N, C-alpha and C. Protein backbone atom coordinates (compact mmCIF):
# COMPACT_ATOMS: atom_id res chain seq x y z
N MET A 1 17.65 -3.70 3.59
CA MET A 1 16.96 -2.78 2.66
C MET A 1 17.42 -3.12 1.20
N SER A 2 16.53 -2.85 0.28
CA SER A 2 16.78 -3.19 -1.10
C SER A 2 17.74 -2.06 -1.73
N ASP A 3 18.46 -2.53 -2.68
CA ASP A 3 19.33 -1.66 -3.45
C ASP A 3 18.48 -0.90 -4.46
N GLN A 4 18.27 0.40 -4.25
CA GLN A 4 17.37 1.15 -5.19
C GLN A 4 17.79 1.13 -6.61
N ALA A 5 19.16 1.11 -6.87
CA ALA A 5 19.68 1.22 -8.16
C ALA A 5 19.32 -0.05 -8.96
N ALA A 6 19.33 -1.23 -8.26
CA ALA A 6 19.06 -2.50 -8.92
C ALA A 6 17.53 -2.89 -8.87
N GLY A 7 16.78 -2.26 -8.02
CA GLY A 7 15.41 -2.74 -7.82
C GLY A 7 14.46 -1.76 -8.66
N PRO A 8 13.14 -2.11 -8.51
CA PRO A 8 12.11 -1.38 -9.13
C PRO A 8 12.11 0.10 -8.62
N HIS A 9 11.66 0.94 -9.55
CA HIS A 9 11.55 2.39 -9.15
C HIS A 9 10.13 2.86 -9.29
N TRP A 10 9.77 3.90 -8.48
CA TRP A 10 8.47 4.52 -8.64
C TRP A 10 8.59 5.35 -9.91
N THR A 11 7.52 5.25 -10.69
CA THR A 11 7.49 6.06 -11.90
C THR A 11 6.23 6.91 -11.96
N GLN A 12 6.27 7.97 -12.71
CA GLN A 12 5.14 8.86 -12.82
C GLN A 12 4.16 8.24 -13.88
N VAL A 13 2.85 8.18 -13.49
CA VAL A 13 1.85 7.77 -14.37
C VAL A 13 0.72 8.79 -14.38
N GLN A 14 -0.18 8.74 -15.42
CA GLN A 14 -1.31 9.51 -15.43
C GLN A 14 -2.47 8.68 -15.00
N VAL A 15 -3.31 9.14 -14.05
CA VAL A 15 -4.52 8.42 -13.55
C VAL A 15 -5.62 9.26 -13.73
N GLU A 16 -6.72 8.61 -14.30
CA GLU A 16 -7.94 9.36 -14.36
C GLU A 16 -8.82 9.10 -13.11
N ILE A 17 -8.99 10.11 -12.35
CA ILE A 17 -9.67 10.01 -11.13
C ILE A 17 -11.14 10.47 -11.35
N GLN A 18 -11.98 10.00 -10.46
CA GLN A 18 -13.39 10.45 -10.50
C GLN A 18 -13.68 11.58 -9.45
N THR A 19 -14.15 12.63 -9.97
CA THR A 19 -14.56 13.78 -9.13
C THR A 19 -16.00 14.15 -9.32
N LYS A 20 -16.47 15.05 -8.45
CA LYS A 20 -17.90 15.50 -8.53
C LYS A 20 -18.11 16.13 -9.91
N GLU A 21 -17.13 16.77 -10.45
CA GLU A 21 -17.25 17.46 -11.66
C GLU A 21 -16.96 16.53 -12.92
N GLY A 22 -16.71 15.31 -12.65
CA GLY A 22 -16.45 14.32 -13.74
C GLY A 22 -15.04 13.86 -13.65
N PRO A 23 -14.64 13.04 -14.68
CA PRO A 23 -13.22 12.47 -14.68
C PRO A 23 -12.19 13.56 -14.89
N ARG A 24 -11.08 13.34 -14.28
CA ARG A 24 -9.97 14.32 -14.42
C ARG A 24 -8.61 13.54 -14.37
N GLN A 25 -7.67 13.96 -15.23
CA GLN A 25 -6.29 13.35 -15.28
C GLN A 25 -5.46 13.99 -14.28
N VAL A 26 -4.76 13.10 -13.42
CA VAL A 26 -3.82 13.66 -12.49
C VAL A 26 -2.57 12.84 -12.49
N PRO A 27 -1.42 13.42 -12.19
CA PRO A 27 -0.19 12.58 -12.11
C PRO A 27 -0.25 11.73 -10.90
N GLY A 28 0.41 10.52 -11.02
CA GLY A 28 0.51 9.65 -9.93
C GLY A 28 1.83 8.94 -9.90
N LEU A 29 2.12 8.26 -8.81
CA LEU A 29 3.33 7.51 -8.64
C LEU A 29 2.95 6.03 -8.59
N ALA A 30 3.58 5.17 -9.37
CA ALA A 30 3.24 3.72 -9.36
C ALA A 30 4.57 2.97 -9.49
N ILE A 31 4.49 1.73 -9.00
CA ILE A 31 5.65 0.82 -8.96
C ILE A 31 5.27 -0.56 -9.46
N SER A 32 6.06 -1.22 -10.22
CA SER A 32 5.68 -2.49 -10.86
C SER A 32 5.31 -3.54 -9.80
N LEU A 33 5.91 -3.49 -8.65
CA LEU A 33 5.64 -4.44 -7.60
C LEU A 33 4.29 -4.34 -6.97
N CYS A 34 3.59 -3.29 -7.36
CA CYS A 34 2.25 -2.97 -6.72
C CYS A 34 1.27 -2.62 -7.86
N PRO A 35 0.96 -3.66 -8.74
CA PRO A 35 0.14 -3.33 -9.90
C PRO A 35 -1.30 -2.95 -9.54
N GLY A 36 -1.90 -2.01 -10.26
CA GLY A 36 -3.19 -1.56 -10.09
C GLY A 36 -3.37 -0.40 -9.05
N LEU A 37 -2.26 0.03 -8.37
CA LEU A 37 -2.39 1.14 -7.38
C LEU A 37 -1.41 2.18 -7.71
N ALA A 38 -1.81 3.43 -7.32
CA ALA A 38 -0.91 4.61 -7.51
C ALA A 38 -1.21 5.59 -6.36
N VAL A 39 -0.09 6.34 -6.09
CA VAL A 39 -0.24 7.48 -5.20
C VAL A 39 -0.60 8.70 -5.97
N THR A 40 -1.75 9.31 -5.65
CA THR A 40 -2.14 10.53 -6.35
C THR A 40 -2.46 11.65 -5.26
N MET A 41 -2.62 12.83 -5.87
CA MET A 41 -3.03 13.95 -5.01
C MET A 41 -4.43 14.34 -5.47
N GLN A 42 -5.47 13.81 -4.93
CA GLN A 42 -6.83 14.16 -5.31
C GLN A 42 -7.28 15.46 -4.84
N SER A 43 -6.83 15.88 -3.67
CA SER A 43 -6.96 17.15 -3.01
C SER A 43 -5.66 17.81 -2.89
N PHE A 44 -5.52 19.11 -3.16
CA PHE A 44 -4.18 19.73 -3.00
C PHE A 44 -3.60 19.54 -1.72
N GLY A 45 -2.37 19.09 -1.73
CA GLY A 45 -1.59 18.85 -0.43
C GLY A 45 -1.91 17.66 0.31
N ARG A 46 -2.69 16.78 -0.20
CA ARG A 46 -3.06 15.49 0.50
C ARG A 46 -2.85 14.30 -0.47
N PHE A 47 -2.07 13.38 -0.12
CA PHE A 47 -1.80 12.19 -0.94
C PHE A 47 -2.68 10.96 -0.58
N ASP A 48 -3.14 10.32 -1.65
CA ASP A 48 -4.07 9.26 -1.62
C ASP A 48 -3.56 8.05 -2.25
N VAL A 49 -4.14 6.83 -1.95
CA VAL A 49 -3.91 5.71 -2.71
C VAL A 49 -5.14 5.54 -3.59
N THR A 50 -4.85 5.38 -4.91
CA THR A 50 -5.90 5.35 -5.95
C THR A 50 -5.86 4.00 -6.70
N HIS A 51 -6.99 3.40 -6.91
CA HIS A 51 -7.03 2.26 -7.78
C HIS A 51 -6.96 2.79 -9.23
N ILE A 52 -5.97 2.37 -9.98
CA ILE A 52 -5.72 2.94 -11.26
C ILE A 52 -6.87 2.60 -12.20
N GLY A 53 -7.43 1.39 -12.20
CA GLY A 53 -8.47 0.96 -13.14
C GLY A 53 -9.78 1.76 -12.97
N THR A 54 -10.11 2.16 -11.77
CA THR A 54 -11.34 2.86 -11.53
C THR A 54 -11.16 4.37 -11.25
N GLY A 55 -9.97 4.79 -10.83
CA GLY A 55 -9.76 6.16 -10.53
C GLY A 55 -10.35 6.50 -9.20
N LYS A 56 -10.68 5.57 -8.39
CA LYS A 56 -11.26 5.82 -7.13
C LYS A 56 -10.31 5.71 -6.00
N LYS A 57 -10.33 6.56 -5.06
CA LYS A 57 -9.51 6.49 -3.74
C LYS A 57 -9.95 5.40 -2.97
N LEU A 58 -8.98 4.57 -2.49
CA LEU A 58 -9.31 3.46 -1.59
C LEU A 58 -9.66 3.87 -0.16
N ALA A 59 -10.54 3.17 0.40
CA ALA A 59 -11.00 3.59 1.71
C ALA A 59 -9.95 3.55 2.80
N PRO A 60 -9.00 2.57 2.85
CA PRO A 60 -8.08 2.53 3.96
C PRO A 60 -6.89 3.52 3.82
N THR A 61 -7.23 4.74 3.46
CA THR A 61 -6.18 5.68 3.28
C THR A 61 -6.38 6.92 4.15
N GLY A 62 -7.19 6.76 5.21
CA GLY A 62 -7.44 7.90 6.14
C GLY A 62 -8.60 8.79 5.49
N ALA A 63 -9.17 9.58 6.25
CA ALA A 63 -10.34 10.29 5.90
C ALA A 63 -9.98 11.30 4.73
N ALA A 64 -8.77 11.97 4.87
CA ALA A 64 -8.41 12.98 3.90
C ALA A 64 -7.06 12.82 3.30
N GLY A 65 -6.54 11.63 3.24
CA GLY A 65 -5.27 11.34 2.74
C GLY A 65 -4.19 11.81 3.66
N TRP A 66 -2.97 11.84 3.15
CA TRP A 66 -1.82 12.15 3.99
C TRP A 66 -1.10 13.37 3.50
N GLN A 67 -0.40 14.04 4.39
CA GLN A 67 0.42 15.27 4.03
C GLN A 67 1.69 14.77 3.37
N ARG A 68 2.17 13.64 3.62
CA ARG A 68 3.45 13.17 3.14
C ARG A 68 3.21 12.03 2.21
N ALA A 69 3.84 12.14 1.00
CA ALA A 69 3.64 11.03 -0.10
C ALA A 69 4.16 9.69 0.44
N TYR A 70 5.23 9.66 1.31
CA TYR A 70 5.78 8.44 1.77
C TYR A 70 4.72 7.57 2.52
N ASN A 71 3.89 8.24 3.27
CA ASN A 71 2.76 7.39 3.95
C ASN A 71 1.90 6.77 3.01
N ALA A 72 1.50 7.42 1.91
CA ALA A 72 0.64 6.85 0.91
C ALA A 72 1.47 5.73 0.10
N MET A 73 2.71 5.93 -0.01
CA MET A 73 3.58 4.94 -0.73
C MET A 73 3.59 3.73 0.16
N LEU A 74 3.70 3.86 1.44
CA LEU A 74 3.78 2.70 2.37
C LEU A 74 2.45 1.93 2.26
N ARG A 75 1.32 2.69 2.20
CA ARG A 75 -0.04 2.05 2.19
C ARG A 75 -0.14 1.27 0.88
N VAL A 76 0.32 1.83 -0.19
CA VAL A 76 0.34 1.09 -1.54
C VAL A 76 1.09 -0.22 -1.41
N ALA A 77 2.18 -0.21 -0.83
CA ALA A 77 2.96 -1.45 -0.65
C ALA A 77 2.34 -2.43 0.30
N GLU A 78 1.77 -1.97 1.38
CA GLU A 78 1.07 -2.81 2.36
C GLU A 78 -0.14 -3.51 1.59
N LEU A 79 -1.00 -2.70 0.91
CA LEU A 79 -2.16 -3.18 0.29
C LEU A 79 -1.75 -4.18 -0.75
N SER A 80 -0.64 -4.00 -1.33
CA SER A 80 -0.17 -5.01 -2.46
C SER A 80 0.24 -6.29 -1.86
N LEU A 81 0.71 -6.26 -0.59
CA LEU A 81 1.03 -7.59 0.08
C LEU A 81 -0.24 -8.36 0.44
N ILE A 82 -1.26 -7.60 0.65
CA ILE A 82 -2.56 -8.23 1.06
C ILE A 82 -3.29 -8.83 -0.14
N ALA A 83 -3.22 -8.10 -1.25
CA ALA A 83 -4.01 -8.52 -2.38
C ALA A 83 -3.52 -8.00 -3.68
N ASP A 84 -3.81 -8.64 -4.84
CA ASP A 84 -3.49 -8.21 -6.13
C ASP A 84 -4.55 -7.25 -6.72
N TRP A 85 -4.17 -5.94 -6.81
CA TRP A 85 -5.12 -4.87 -7.05
C TRP A 85 -5.24 -4.64 -8.61
N SER A 86 -4.63 -5.48 -9.50
CA SER A 86 -4.67 -5.20 -10.82
C SER A 86 -6.01 -5.55 -11.51
N GLY A 87 -6.85 -6.23 -10.78
CA GLY A 87 -8.15 -6.62 -11.39
C GLY A 87 -9.30 -5.82 -10.80
N ASP A 88 -10.48 -6.40 -10.85
CA ASP A 88 -11.70 -5.78 -10.34
C ASP A 88 -11.66 -5.50 -8.89
N PRO A 89 -11.88 -4.31 -8.45
CA PRO A 89 -11.76 -4.03 -7.05
C PRO A 89 -12.78 -4.70 -6.17
N LEU A 90 -13.98 -4.98 -6.72
CA LEU A 90 -15.01 -5.64 -5.87
C LEU A 90 -14.51 -7.11 -5.58
N ALA A 91 -13.95 -7.74 -6.56
CA ALA A 91 -13.30 -9.10 -6.34
C ALA A 91 -12.23 -9.00 -5.34
N VAL A 92 -11.40 -8.00 -5.43
CA VAL A 92 -10.37 -7.84 -4.43
C VAL A 92 -10.90 -7.73 -3.02
N PHE A 93 -11.89 -6.88 -2.81
CA PHE A 93 -12.45 -6.70 -1.51
C PHE A 93 -13.03 -7.94 -0.95
N GLU A 94 -13.71 -8.82 -1.83
CA GLU A 94 -14.17 -10.10 -1.36
C GLU A 94 -13.03 -11.05 -1.03
N SER A 95 -11.93 -10.96 -1.68
CA SER A 95 -10.79 -11.84 -1.35
C SER A 95 -10.15 -11.40 0.01
N ILE A 96 -10.11 -10.11 0.22
CA ILE A 96 -9.62 -9.47 1.50
C ILE A 96 -10.54 -9.95 2.59
N LYS A 97 -11.83 -9.81 2.45
CA LYS A 97 -12.84 -10.27 3.46
C LYS A 97 -12.65 -11.75 3.79
N ALA A 98 -12.35 -12.59 2.80
CA ALA A 98 -12.16 -13.91 3.04
C ALA A 98 -10.97 -14.26 3.95
N ARG A 99 -9.99 -13.24 3.98
CA ARG A 99 -8.74 -13.42 4.75
C ARG A 99 -8.72 -12.57 5.97
N TYR A 100 -9.85 -12.02 6.35
CA TYR A 100 -9.94 -11.06 7.53
C TYR A 100 -9.26 -11.58 8.73
N GLU A 101 -9.30 -12.82 9.05
CA GLU A 101 -8.64 -13.35 10.24
C GLU A 101 -7.21 -13.69 10.17
N ASP A 102 -6.65 -13.68 8.92
CA ASP A 102 -5.26 -13.89 8.75
C ASP A 102 -4.51 -12.69 9.32
N THR A 103 -3.22 -13.01 9.74
CA THR A 103 -2.39 -11.87 10.23
C THR A 103 -1.81 -11.12 9.11
N VAL A 104 -1.54 -9.79 9.27
CA VAL A 104 -1.03 -9.02 8.22
C VAL A 104 0.40 -9.51 7.93
N PRO A 105 0.76 -9.47 6.55
CA PRO A 105 2.04 -9.96 6.13
C PRO A 105 3.19 -9.04 6.16
N PHE A 106 3.22 -8.01 6.91
CA PHE A 106 4.25 -6.98 6.97
C PHE A 106 4.49 -6.52 8.40
N PRO A 107 5.67 -5.96 8.66
CA PRO A 107 6.04 -5.55 10.02
C PRO A 107 5.25 -4.25 10.53
N GLY A 108 5.36 -4.10 11.82
CA GLY A 108 4.80 -2.89 12.44
C GLY A 108 3.37 -2.86 12.72
N THR A 109 2.78 -4.10 12.98
CA THR A 109 1.34 -4.10 13.24
C THR A 109 1.04 -4.87 14.49
N ARG A 110 1.81 -4.85 15.48
CA ARG A 110 1.63 -5.52 16.70
C ARG A 110 0.62 -4.71 17.63
N VAL A 111 -0.29 -5.48 18.30
CA VAL A 111 -1.23 -4.88 19.17
C VAL A 111 -1.23 -5.79 20.43
N THR A 112 -1.81 -5.24 21.52
CA THR A 112 -1.92 -5.92 22.76
C THR A 112 -3.35 -6.07 23.07
N THR A 113 -3.82 -7.37 23.22
CA THR A 113 -5.16 -7.58 23.54
C THR A 113 -5.22 -8.42 24.81
N ARG A 114 -5.88 -7.86 25.92
CA ARG A 114 -5.91 -8.65 27.18
C ARG A 114 -4.58 -8.99 27.73
N GLY A 115 -3.62 -8.11 27.54
CA GLY A 115 -2.28 -8.29 28.06
C GLY A 115 -1.36 -9.21 27.17
N VAL A 116 -1.87 -9.61 26.03
CA VAL A 116 -1.09 -10.49 25.12
C VAL A 116 -0.73 -9.72 23.79
N GLU A 117 0.50 -9.66 23.52
CA GLU A 117 0.99 -8.98 22.38
C GLU A 117 0.92 -9.92 21.17
N ARG A 118 0.44 -9.48 20.00
CA ARG A 118 0.23 -10.27 18.82
C ARG A 118 0.22 -9.40 17.59
N GLU A 119 0.34 -10.04 16.44
CA GLU A 119 0.19 -9.25 15.18
C GLU A 119 -1.37 -9.02 14.93
N MET A 120 -1.59 -7.90 14.24
CA MET A 120 -2.93 -7.58 13.91
C MET A 120 -3.46 -8.61 12.85
N THR A 121 -4.81 -8.76 12.79
CA THR A 121 -5.41 -9.49 11.75
C THR A 121 -5.64 -8.46 10.63
N ILE A 122 -5.81 -8.96 9.42
CA ILE A 122 -6.13 -8.13 8.33
C ILE A 122 -7.31 -7.20 8.57
N LYS A 123 -8.37 -7.68 9.19
CA LYS A 123 -9.56 -6.92 9.49
C LYS A 123 -9.15 -5.79 10.51
N GLU A 124 -8.40 -6.08 11.50
CA GLU A 124 -8.03 -5.11 12.50
C GLU A 124 -7.15 -4.01 11.75
N TRP A 125 -6.24 -4.45 10.95
CA TRP A 125 -5.43 -3.45 10.24
C TRP A 125 -6.26 -2.54 9.35
N TRP A 126 -7.17 -3.22 8.57
CA TRP A 126 -8.04 -2.49 7.67
C TRP A 126 -8.81 -1.33 8.42
N GLN A 127 -9.38 -1.82 9.61
CA GLN A 127 -10.16 -0.82 10.45
C GLN A 127 -9.28 0.26 10.94
N SER A 128 -8.09 -0.07 11.34
CA SER A 128 -7.09 0.99 11.89
C SER A 128 -6.68 1.91 10.81
N CYS A 129 -6.76 1.58 9.59
CA CYS A 129 -6.31 2.51 8.49
C CYS A 129 -7.26 3.65 8.25
N SER A 130 -8.45 3.56 8.78
CA SER A 130 -9.43 4.67 8.67
C SER A 130 -9.09 5.86 9.47
N ILE A 131 -8.17 5.72 10.42
CA ILE A 131 -7.74 6.80 11.32
C ILE A 131 -6.88 7.67 10.47
N ASP A 132 -7.06 8.99 10.38
CA ASP A 132 -6.22 9.87 9.61
C ASP A 132 -5.00 10.21 10.39
N MET A 133 -4.07 9.36 10.46
CA MET A 133 -2.80 9.66 11.13
C MET A 133 -1.66 9.08 10.30
N PRO A 134 -0.47 9.64 10.41
CA PRO A 134 0.68 9.06 9.72
C PRO A 134 0.88 7.62 10.23
N LYS A 135 1.27 6.80 9.30
CA LYS A 135 1.62 5.45 9.68
C LYS A 135 2.96 5.42 10.40
N VAL A 136 3.88 6.28 9.99
CA VAL A 136 5.17 6.38 10.54
C VAL A 136 5.63 7.73 10.71
N ASP A 137 6.71 8.04 11.26
CA ASP A 137 7.26 9.45 11.36
C ASP A 137 7.31 10.12 10.05
N GLU A 138 7.02 11.40 10.13
CA GLU A 138 6.92 12.16 8.83
C GLU A 138 8.22 12.56 8.16
N PHE A 139 9.38 12.56 8.85
CA PHE A 139 10.58 13.09 8.24
C PHE A 139 11.66 11.99 8.24
N PRO A 140 12.39 11.83 7.14
CA PRO A 140 13.39 10.81 6.95
C PRO A 140 14.50 10.74 8.01
N TRP A 141 14.82 11.89 8.60
CA TRP A 141 15.89 12.00 9.52
C TRP A 141 15.47 11.50 10.89
N GLU A 142 14.25 11.11 11.14
CA GLU A 142 13.79 10.72 12.43
C GLU A 142 14.10 9.35 12.83
N GLY A 143 14.84 8.62 12.09
CA GLY A 143 15.36 7.31 12.54
C GLY A 143 14.88 6.14 11.68
N ALA A 144 15.02 4.95 12.28
CA ALA A 144 14.77 3.68 11.54
C ALA A 144 13.26 3.47 11.23
N ASP A 145 12.42 4.24 11.85
CA ASP A 145 10.96 4.01 11.58
C ASP A 145 10.46 5.20 10.57
N SER A 146 11.43 5.82 9.89
CA SER A 146 10.97 6.91 8.93
C SER A 146 10.22 6.20 7.80
N PRO A 147 9.38 6.98 7.11
CA PRO A 147 8.60 6.42 6.04
C PRO A 147 9.50 5.81 4.93
N ALA A 148 10.59 6.38 4.68
CA ALA A 148 11.48 5.91 3.59
C ALA A 148 11.94 4.40 3.94
N TYR A 149 12.31 4.17 5.16
CA TYR A 149 12.75 2.86 5.53
C TYR A 149 11.55 1.97 5.63
N ALA A 150 10.42 2.35 6.03
CA ALA A 150 9.22 1.51 6.15
C ALA A 150 8.76 1.03 4.78
N VAL A 151 8.81 2.04 3.72
CA VAL A 151 8.41 1.71 2.46
C VAL A 151 9.39 0.63 1.90
N GLU A 152 10.73 0.81 2.10
CA GLU A 152 11.65 -0.06 1.51
C GLU A 152 11.44 -1.49 2.13
N ALA A 153 11.21 -1.55 3.41
CA ALA A 153 11.04 -2.87 4.01
C ALA A 153 9.85 -3.68 3.44
N VAL A 154 8.70 -2.94 3.19
CA VAL A 154 7.52 -3.64 2.67
C VAL A 154 7.80 -3.97 1.18
N LEU A 155 8.53 -3.10 0.42
CA LEU A 155 8.80 -3.40 -0.95
C LEU A 155 9.78 -4.57 -1.06
N ASP A 156 10.71 -4.68 -0.06
CA ASP A 156 11.60 -5.91 0.01
C ASP A 156 10.79 -7.17 0.10
N LEU A 157 9.68 -7.11 0.91
CA LEU A 157 8.88 -8.34 1.11
C LEU A 157 8.12 -8.62 -0.24
N LEU A 158 7.65 -7.60 -0.98
CA LEU A 158 7.01 -7.80 -2.24
C LEU A 158 8.02 -8.40 -3.23
N ALA A 159 9.23 -7.84 -3.28
CA ALA A 159 10.27 -8.29 -4.21
C ALA A 159 10.54 -9.82 -3.97
N SER A 160 10.67 -10.10 -2.69
CA SER A 160 10.93 -11.52 -2.27
C SER A 160 9.85 -12.42 -2.73
N ARG A 161 8.56 -12.02 -2.49
CA ARG A 161 7.44 -12.82 -2.98
C ARG A 161 7.42 -12.97 -4.48
N ALA A 162 7.70 -11.92 -5.18
CA ALA A 162 7.77 -12.00 -6.60
C ALA A 162 8.85 -12.89 -7.08
N ALA A 163 10.01 -12.87 -6.56
CA ALA A 163 11.08 -13.77 -6.86
C ALA A 163 10.77 -15.15 -6.63
N ALA A 164 10.15 -15.42 -5.46
CA ALA A 164 9.76 -16.77 -5.07
C ALA A 164 8.68 -17.28 -6.11
N ALA A 165 7.78 -16.51 -6.56
CA ALA A 165 6.74 -16.91 -7.41
C ALA A 165 7.45 -17.15 -8.81
N HIS A 166 8.36 -16.35 -9.21
CA HIS A 166 9.11 -16.58 -10.48
C HIS A 166 9.85 -17.86 -10.44
N LEU A 167 10.57 -18.21 -9.35
CA LEU A 167 11.28 -19.45 -9.22
C LEU A 167 10.35 -20.61 -9.28
N GLN A 168 9.18 -20.51 -8.65
CA GLN A 168 8.19 -21.63 -8.65
C GLN A 168 7.69 -21.86 -10.06
N GLU A 169 7.49 -20.81 -10.84
CA GLU A 169 6.98 -20.91 -12.20
C GLU A 169 8.03 -21.59 -13.12
N ALA A 170 9.34 -21.22 -12.81
CA ALA A 170 10.38 -21.70 -13.68
C ALA A 170 10.85 -23.13 -13.30
N SER A 171 10.47 -23.71 -12.05
CA SER A 171 10.85 -25.00 -11.72
C SER A 171 10.15 -26.07 -12.50
N PRO A 172 10.83 -27.08 -12.76
CA PRO A 172 10.29 -28.20 -13.53
C PRO A 172 9.24 -28.89 -12.56
N LYS A 173 8.13 -29.28 -13.14
CA LYS A 173 7.04 -29.84 -12.36
C LYS A 173 7.07 -31.32 -12.26
């Protein structure tokens, strides 16, 4: 697990969301490892993953968001491992579709098909996200699969990928 004191922190940001009544500013949580995405509360008591550039809730966040912010934070981290969300969302969706048959790049996505256990594909994971259920247990004291630990594990993967990319850029060619 990463050392929170040394690593990136979630920070509060203002996000302009789109509502039936028009645009509205709401507070959100964002982290530098996951550019373009924030956790917002578009409906009272329900946390969503929102694309900062458009203010729109992303589809793979359950029908009505989550009751716990940690589940939305986990989804932000997972989505960031699959694609860079800092740009145009339509281009992002096209890049994700092109990778539908790839396996997801984070833990906790094993399925059994015809008696064989394997990792989910990105397409299977995306489809499973539409179910309005917590990804992990709702309370931090429930053990190793609590949302806090799951978020940290995926953020560690993002930090490792960012460090590897930085080293590659700094290497002489």
